[in-house]
Amino acid sequence: LRAAQMIADSVFYIFFEHNSNELSPEAIKKMNRIYEFLENNPDTKLKITGYSDSSGVPSYDQMIAAIRAISVKSYLADKGIKTSRMVALGYSAQKFIASNESEEGRRLNRRVEIELIIH
């Protein structure tokens, strides 16, 4: 759990509340930092991958994971980043970074990971 909490501080991880795709104020701060980086590095692209915890049914987990990734992509697109520079994917309840046995672990698993693709 300690390693997962270190990851949580990274600008490349956006976390979500249960059953939500709304960006928190902290997530918006991170997104604005990513936006600034993209503005200054026009050849950089993003892979945006959404995940969920394992508390829902698989079809719902898949849907919410994809919607979370799309909400991150939409935020950046609304600020002016071309959608052709971003791909958004939802992978549902996979690649856990913490145990789903605790609320804190589930919170850390409800995330979007942002990967820079630098050319």
N, C-alpha and C. Protein backbone atom coordinates (compact mmCIF):
# COMPACT_ATOMS: atom_id res chain seq x y z
N LEU A 1 0.83 -1.19 0.00
CA LEU A 1 0.00 0.00 0.00
C LEU A 1 0.87 1.25 0.00
N ARG A 2 2.02 1.21 0.67
CA ARG A 2 2.89 2.38 0.71
C ARG A 2 3.39 2.74 -0.69
N ALA A 3 3.78 1.71 -1.47
CA ALA A 3 4.23 1.96 -2.84
C ALA A 3 3.10 2.55 -3.67
N ALA A 4 1.91 2.05 -3.49
CA ALA A 4 0.75 2.57 -4.24
C ALA A 4 0.49 4.02 -3.87
N GLN A 5 0.67 4.39 -2.61
CA GLN A 5 0.45 5.77 -2.21
C GLN A 5 1.50 6.69 -2.81
N MET A 6 2.73 6.18 -3.00
CA MET A 6 3.76 6.98 -3.66
C MET A 6 3.35 7.25 -5.11
N ILE A 7 2.79 6.24 -5.76
CA ILE A 7 2.31 6.41 -7.13
C ILE A 7 1.21 7.46 -7.17
N ALA A 8 0.38 7.48 -6.15
CA ALA A 8 -0.75 8.41 -6.10
C ALA A 8 -0.31 9.86 -6.20
N ASP A 9 0.89 10.17 -5.75
CA ASP A 9 1.40 11.54 -5.80
C ASP A 9 1.86 11.94 -7.20
N SER A 10 2.02 10.97 -8.09
CA SER A 10 2.50 11.24 -9.44
C SER A 10 1.47 12.04 -10.22
N VAL A 11 1.96 12.94 -11.04
CA VAL A 11 1.08 13.73 -11.90
C VAL A 11 0.42 12.85 -12.96
N PHE A 12 0.95 11.67 -13.19
CA PHE A 12 0.46 10.80 -14.26
C PHE A 12 -0.63 9.84 -13.81
N TYR A 13 -1.14 10.00 -12.61
CA TYR A 13 -2.24 9.20 -12.09
C TYR A 13 -3.35 10.13 -11.62
N ILE A 14 -4.54 9.93 -12.16
CA ILE A 14 -5.71 10.71 -11.79
C ILE A 14 -6.66 9.74 -11.10
N PHE A 15 -7.14 10.10 -9.92
CA PHE A 15 -7.99 9.21 -9.13
C PHE A 15 -9.43 9.72 -9.10
N PHE A 16 -10.35 8.77 -8.91
CA PHE A 16 -11.78 9.08 -8.96
C PHE A 16 -12.49 8.50 -7.75
N GLU A 17 -13.57 9.16 -7.38
CA GLU A 17 -14.44 8.66 -6.33
C GLU A 17 -15.23 7.46 -6.87
N HIS A 18 -15.80 6.69 -5.97
CA HIS A 18 -16.62 5.53 -6.34
C HIS A 18 -17.78 5.96 -7.23
N ASN A 19 -17.98 5.24 -8.32
CA ASN A 19 -19.08 5.50 -9.28
C ASN A 19 -19.03 6.90 -9.88
N SER A 20 -17.85 7.46 -10.05
CA SER A 20 -17.73 8.82 -10.55
C SER A 20 -16.70 8.90 -11.67
N ASN A 21 -16.94 9.82 -12.59
CA ASN A 21 -15.93 10.16 -13.60
C ASN A 21 -15.60 11.65 -13.52
N GLU A 22 -15.99 12.28 -12.41
CA GLU A 22 -15.76 13.70 -12.22
C GLU A 22 -14.32 13.96 -11.76
N LEU A 23 -13.68 14.94 -12.39
CA LEU A 23 -12.32 15.30 -12.01
C LEU A 23 -12.35 16.13 -10.72
N SER A 24 -11.58 15.70 -9.74
CA SER A 24 -11.48 16.42 -8.47
C SER A 24 -10.62 17.67 -8.65
N PRO A 25 -10.64 18.60 -7.70
CA PRO A 25 -9.75 19.77 -7.78
C PRO A 25 -8.28 19.36 -7.88
N GLU A 26 -7.87 18.32 -7.15
CA GLU A 26 -6.48 17.85 -7.25
C GLU A 26 -6.19 17.30 -8.64
N ALA A 27 -7.15 16.56 -9.20
CA ALA A 27 -6.97 16.01 -10.54
C ALA A 27 -6.84 17.14 -11.56
N ILE A 28 -7.63 18.19 -11.41
CA ILE A 28 -7.56 19.32 -12.33
C ILE A 28 -6.19 19.99 -12.25
N LYS A 29 -5.62 20.11 -11.05
CA LYS A 29 -4.27 20.67 -10.92
C LYS A 29 -3.27 19.82 -11.69
N LYS A 30 -3.38 18.50 -11.56
CA LYS A 30 -2.48 17.60 -12.29
C LYS A 30 -2.70 17.75 -13.80
N MET A 31 -3.96 17.81 -14.21
CA MET A 31 -4.28 17.93 -15.63
C MET A 31 -3.72 19.23 -16.21
N ASN A 32 -3.77 20.29 -15.44
CA ASN A 32 -3.22 21.57 -15.91
C ASN A 32 -1.71 21.49 -16.08
N ARG A 33 -1.04 20.74 -15.23
CA ARG A 33 0.41 20.54 -15.39
C ARG A 33 0.71 19.73 -16.65
N ILE A 34 -0.10 18.72 -16.91
CA ILE A 34 0.07 17.92 -18.12
C ILE A 34 -0.21 18.78 -19.35
N TYR A 35 -1.24 19.59 -19.29
CA TYR A 35 -1.56 20.49 -20.39
C TYR A 35 -0.37 21.41 -20.70
N GLU A 36 0.21 22.01 -19.68
CA GLU A 36 1.36 22.89 -19.89
C GLU A 36 2.52 22.14 -20.55
N PHE A 37 2.76 20.92 -20.11
CA PHE A 37 3.82 20.12 -20.72
C PHE A 37 3.52 19.87 -22.19
N LEU A 38 2.28 19.50 -22.50
CA LEU A 38 1.90 19.23 -23.89
C LEU A 38 1.99 20.47 -24.75
N GLU A 39 1.62 21.61 -24.21
CA GLU A 39 1.72 22.87 -24.96
C GLU A 39 3.17 23.17 -25.32
N ASN A 40 4.09 22.85 -24.41
CA ASN A 40 5.51 23.11 -24.64
C ASN A 40 6.23 22.00 -25.40
N ASN A 41 5.55 20.89 -25.64
CA ASN A 41 6.14 19.74 -26.32
C ASN A 41 5.13 19.21 -27.35
N PRO A 42 4.99 19.91 -28.48
CA PRO A 42 3.93 19.59 -29.43
C PRO A 42 4.05 18.23 -30.12
N ASP A 43 5.19 17.58 -30.04
CA ASP A 43 5.33 16.26 -30.65
C ASP A 43 4.97 15.13 -29.69
N THR A 44 4.70 15.46 -28.45
CA THR A 44 4.35 14.45 -27.45
C THR A 44 2.89 14.06 -27.58
N LYS A 45 2.65 12.76 -27.49
CA LYS A 45 1.29 12.23 -27.50
C LYS A 45 1.01 11.55 -26.16
N LEU A 46 -0.25 11.24 -25.91
CA LEU A 46 -0.64 10.60 -24.65
C LEU A 46 -1.41 9.31 -24.89
N LYS A 47 -1.13 8.35 -24.05
CA LYS A 47 -1.99 7.16 -23.92
C LYS A 47 -2.66 7.29 -22.56
N ILE A 48 -3.98 7.36 -22.57
CA ILE A 48 -4.78 7.58 -21.37
C ILE A 48 -5.56 6.30 -21.09
N THR A 49 -5.27 5.65 -19.97
CA THR A 49 -5.86 4.35 -19.68
C THR A 49 -6.64 4.40 -18.38
N GLY A 50 -7.93 4.06 -18.47
CA GLY A 50 -8.80 4.07 -17.31
C GLY A 50 -8.94 2.69 -16.68
N TYR A 51 -9.05 2.69 -15.35
CA TYR A 51 -9.23 1.46 -14.58
C TYR A 51 -10.31 1.68 -13.52
N SER A 52 -10.79 0.58 -12.96
CA SER A 52 -11.76 0.66 -11.88
C SER A 52 -11.32 -0.28 -10.76
N ASP A 53 -12.00 -0.19 -9.63
CA ASP A 53 -11.79 -1.21 -8.60
C ASP A 53 -12.63 -2.42 -9.00
N SER A 54 -12.66 -3.43 -8.17
CA SER A 54 -13.37 -4.66 -8.54
C SER A 54 -14.72 -4.80 -7.84
N SER A 55 -15.30 -3.67 -7.40
CA SER A 55 -16.52 -3.77 -6.61
C SER A 55 -17.79 -3.88 -7.45
N GLY A 56 -17.72 -3.60 -8.74
CA GLY A 56 -18.91 -3.65 -9.58
C GLY A 56 -18.96 -4.87 -10.46
N VAL A 57 -20.01 -4.95 -11.25
CA VAL A 57 -20.09 -6.03 -12.24
C VAL A 57 -19.13 -5.69 -13.38
N PRO A 58 -18.55 -6.69 -14.03
CA PRO A 58 -17.53 -6.43 -15.05
C PRO A 58 -17.96 -5.46 -16.15
N SER A 59 -19.19 -5.56 -16.63
CA SER A 59 -19.61 -4.65 -17.70
C SER A 59 -19.66 -3.20 -17.22
N TYR A 60 -20.09 -2.98 -15.99
CA TYR A 60 -20.11 -1.62 -15.44
C TYR A 60 -18.68 -1.12 -15.21
N ASP A 61 -17.83 -1.98 -14.66
CA ASP A 61 -16.43 -1.59 -14.43
C ASP A 61 -15.76 -1.18 -15.74
N GLN A 62 -16.04 -1.92 -16.81
CA GLN A 62 -15.47 -1.59 -18.12
C GLN A 62 -15.97 -0.23 -18.59
N MET A 63 -17.27 0.01 -18.45
CA MET A 63 -17.86 1.26 -18.90
C MET A 63 -17.28 2.45 -18.12
N ILE A 64 -17.24 2.34 -16.79
CA ILE A 64 -16.77 3.48 -15.99
C ILE A 64 -15.27 3.74 -16.23
N ALA A 65 -14.51 2.68 -16.46
CA ALA A 65 -13.08 2.86 -16.75
C ALA A 65 -12.89 3.63 -18.06
N ALA A 66 -13.67 3.28 -19.08
CA ALA A 66 -13.57 3.98 -20.36
C ALA A 66 -14.03 5.43 -20.23
N ILE A 67 -15.12 5.65 -19.51
CA ILE A 67 -15.63 7.02 -19.34
C ILE A 67 -14.62 7.88 -18.59
N ARG A 68 -13.94 7.32 -17.62
CA ARG A 68 -12.91 8.09 -16.89
C ARG A 68 -11.78 8.50 -17.83
N ALA A 69 -11.34 7.58 -18.67
CA ALA A 69 -10.28 7.91 -19.62
C ALA A 69 -10.75 9.00 -20.59
N ILE A 70 -11.97 8.89 -21.04
CA ILE A 70 -12.53 9.88 -21.97
C ILE A 70 -12.67 11.23 -21.29
N SER A 71 -13.01 11.25 -20.00
CA SER A 71 -13.15 12.54 -19.30
C SER A 71 -11.80 13.26 -19.21
N VAL A 72 -10.73 12.51 -19.02
CA VAL A 72 -9.38 13.11 -19.00
C VAL A 72 -9.04 13.65 -20.39
N LYS A 73 -9.28 12.85 -21.41
CA LYS A 73 -9.01 13.28 -22.79
C LYS A 73 -9.84 14.52 -23.13
N SER A 74 -11.10 14.53 -22.75
CA SER A 74 -11.98 15.66 -23.04
C SER A 74 -11.51 16.94 -22.36
N TYR A 75 -11.04 16.81 -21.12
CA TYR A 75 -10.56 17.98 -20.40
C TYR A 75 -9.40 18.63 -21.17
N LEU A 76 -8.46 17.80 -21.60
CA LEU A 76 -7.30 18.33 -22.32
C LEU A 76 -7.71 18.87 -23.69
N ALA A 77 -8.65 18.20 -24.35
CA ALA A 77 -9.13 18.68 -25.65
C ALA A 77 -9.83 20.03 -25.49
N ASP A 78 -10.61 20.18 -24.44
CA ASP A 78 -11.29 21.45 -24.19
C ASP A 78 -10.31 22.59 -23.95
N LYS A 79 -9.11 22.27 -23.48
CA LYS A 79 -8.08 23.29 -23.27
C LYS A 79 -7.29 23.57 -24.54
N GLY A 80 -7.52 22.76 -25.59
CA GLY A 80 -6.87 23.03 -26.87
C GLY A 80 -5.91 21.96 -27.37
N ILE A 81 -5.73 20.88 -26.65
CA ILE A 81 -4.86 19.80 -27.13
C ILE A 81 -5.62 19.01 -28.19
N LYS A 82 -5.00 18.79 -29.33
CA LYS A 82 -5.66 18.06 -30.42
C LYS A 82 -5.94 16.62 -30.00
N THR A 83 -7.15 16.17 -30.32
CA THR A 83 -7.52 14.80 -29.97
C THR A 83 -6.66 13.77 -30.70
N SER A 84 -6.08 14.15 -31.82
CA SER A 84 -5.21 13.23 -32.56
C SER A 84 -3.92 12.93 -31.80
N ARG A 85 -3.63 13.71 -30.76
CA ARG A 85 -2.44 13.47 -29.93
C ARG A 85 -2.72 12.55 -28.75
N MET A 86 -3.99 12.12 -28.61
CA MET A 86 -4.37 11.33 -27.43
C MET A 86 -5.19 10.11 -27.83
N VAL A 87 -4.95 9.03 -27.13
CA VAL A 87 -5.79 7.85 -27.26
C VAL A 87 -6.28 7.50 -25.85
N ALA A 88 -7.58 7.22 -25.74
CA ALA A 88 -8.18 6.90 -24.44
C ALA A 88 -8.72 5.48 -24.48
N LEU A 89 -8.34 4.68 -23.47
CA LEU A 89 -8.74 3.28 -23.39
C LEU A 89 -9.26 2.98 -21.99
N GLY A 90 -10.20 2.07 -21.91
CA GLY A 90 -10.70 1.62 -20.61
C GLY A 90 -10.43 0.15 -20.43
N TYR A 91 -9.76 -0.20 -19.33
CA TYR A 91 -9.40 -1.59 -19.07
C TYR A 91 -10.08 -2.18 -17.85
N SER A 92 -11.00 -1.47 -17.27
CA SER A 92 -11.81 -2.05 -16.21
C SER A 92 -10.99 -2.39 -14.97
N ALA A 93 -11.38 -3.47 -14.31
CA ALA A 93 -10.75 -3.90 -13.06
C ALA A 93 -9.55 -4.78 -13.37
N GLN A 94 -8.47 -4.13 -13.78
CA GLN A 94 -7.22 -4.81 -14.12
C GLN A 94 -6.06 -3.99 -13.58
N LYS A 95 -4.89 -4.61 -13.57
CA LYS A 95 -3.65 -3.93 -13.16
C LYS A 95 -3.81 -3.15 -11.85
N PHE A 96 -4.26 -3.84 -10.83
CA PHE A 96 -4.44 -3.19 -9.54
C PHE A 96 -3.10 -2.69 -9.01
N ILE A 97 -3.12 -1.52 -8.38
CA ILE A 97 -1.92 -1.01 -7.72
C ILE A 97 -2.03 -1.14 -6.21
N ALA A 98 -3.19 -1.60 -5.74
CA ALA A 98 -3.41 -1.82 -4.30
C ALA A 98 -4.49 -2.89 -4.15
N SER A 99 -4.63 -3.40 -2.95
CA SER A 99 -5.62 -4.43 -2.67
C SER A 99 -7.03 -3.85 -2.70
N ASN A 100 -7.96 -4.59 -3.25
CA ASN A 100 -9.36 -4.18 -3.25
C ASN A 100 -10.06 -4.57 -1.95
N GLU A 101 -9.30 -5.07 -0.99
CA GLU A 101 -9.88 -5.48 0.29
C GLU A 101 -10.14 -4.31 1.23
N SER A 102 -9.58 -3.13 0.92
CA SER A 102 -9.78 -1.96 1.77
C SER A 102 -10.33 -0.81 0.93
N GLU A 103 -10.98 0.14 1.58
CA GLU A 103 -11.48 1.32 0.87
C GLU A 103 -10.34 2.10 0.24
N GLU A 104 -9.23 2.26 0.97
CA GLU A 104 -8.08 2.99 0.44
C GLU A 104 -7.52 2.28 -0.79
N GLY A 105 -7.43 0.98 -0.75
CA GLY A 105 -6.94 0.23 -1.91
C GLY A 105 -7.86 0.39 -3.11
N ARG A 106 -9.16 0.30 -2.88
CA ARG A 106 -10.13 0.49 -3.97
C ARG A 106 -10.03 1.91 -4.54
N ARG A 107 -9.83 2.90 -3.66
CA ARG A 107 -9.68 4.29 -4.13
C ARG A 107 -8.48 4.41 -5.07
N LEU A 108 -7.38 3.77 -4.71
CA LEU A 108 -6.19 3.85 -5.55
C LEU A 108 -6.37 3.12 -6.88
N ASN A 109 -7.21 2.12 -6.91
CA ASN A 109 -7.44 1.38 -8.15
C ASN A 109 -8.40 2.09 -9.10
N ARG A 110 -9.18 3.03 -8.60
CA ARG A 110 -10.09 3.82 -9.45
C ARG A 110 -9.29 4.98 -10.03
N ARG A 111 -8.65 4.73 -11.16
CA ARG A 111 -7.69 5.71 -11.65
C ARG A 111 -7.63 5.74 -13.16
N VAL A 112 -6.97 6.78 -13.64
CA VAL A 112 -6.55 6.88 -15.03
C VAL A 112 -5.04 7.08 -14.99
N GLU A 113 -4.36 6.28 -15.80
CA GLU A 113 -2.91 6.43 -15.96
C GLU A 113 -2.66 7.17 -17.26
N ILE A 114 -1.72 8.11 -17.22
CA ILE A 114 -1.38 8.91 -18.39
C ILE A 114 0.07 8.60 -18.73
N GLU A 115 0.26 8.11 -19.95
CA GLU A 115 1.60 7.75 -20.42
C GLU A 115 2.00 8.70 -21.52
N LEU A 116 3.17 9.30 -21.38
CA LEU A 116 3.70 10.19 -22.43
C LEU A 116 4.34 9.35 -23.52
N ILE A 117 4.04 9.70 -24.76
CA ILE A 117 4.68 9.06 -25.91
C ILE A 117 5.44 10.16 -26.63
N ILE A 118 6.75 10.15 -26.44
CA ILE A 118 7.59 11.23 -26.96
C ILE A 118 8.26 10.76 -28.26
N HIS A 119 8.09 11.55 -29.29
CA HIS A 119 8.67 11.20 -30.59
C HIS A 119 9.86 12.06 -30.88
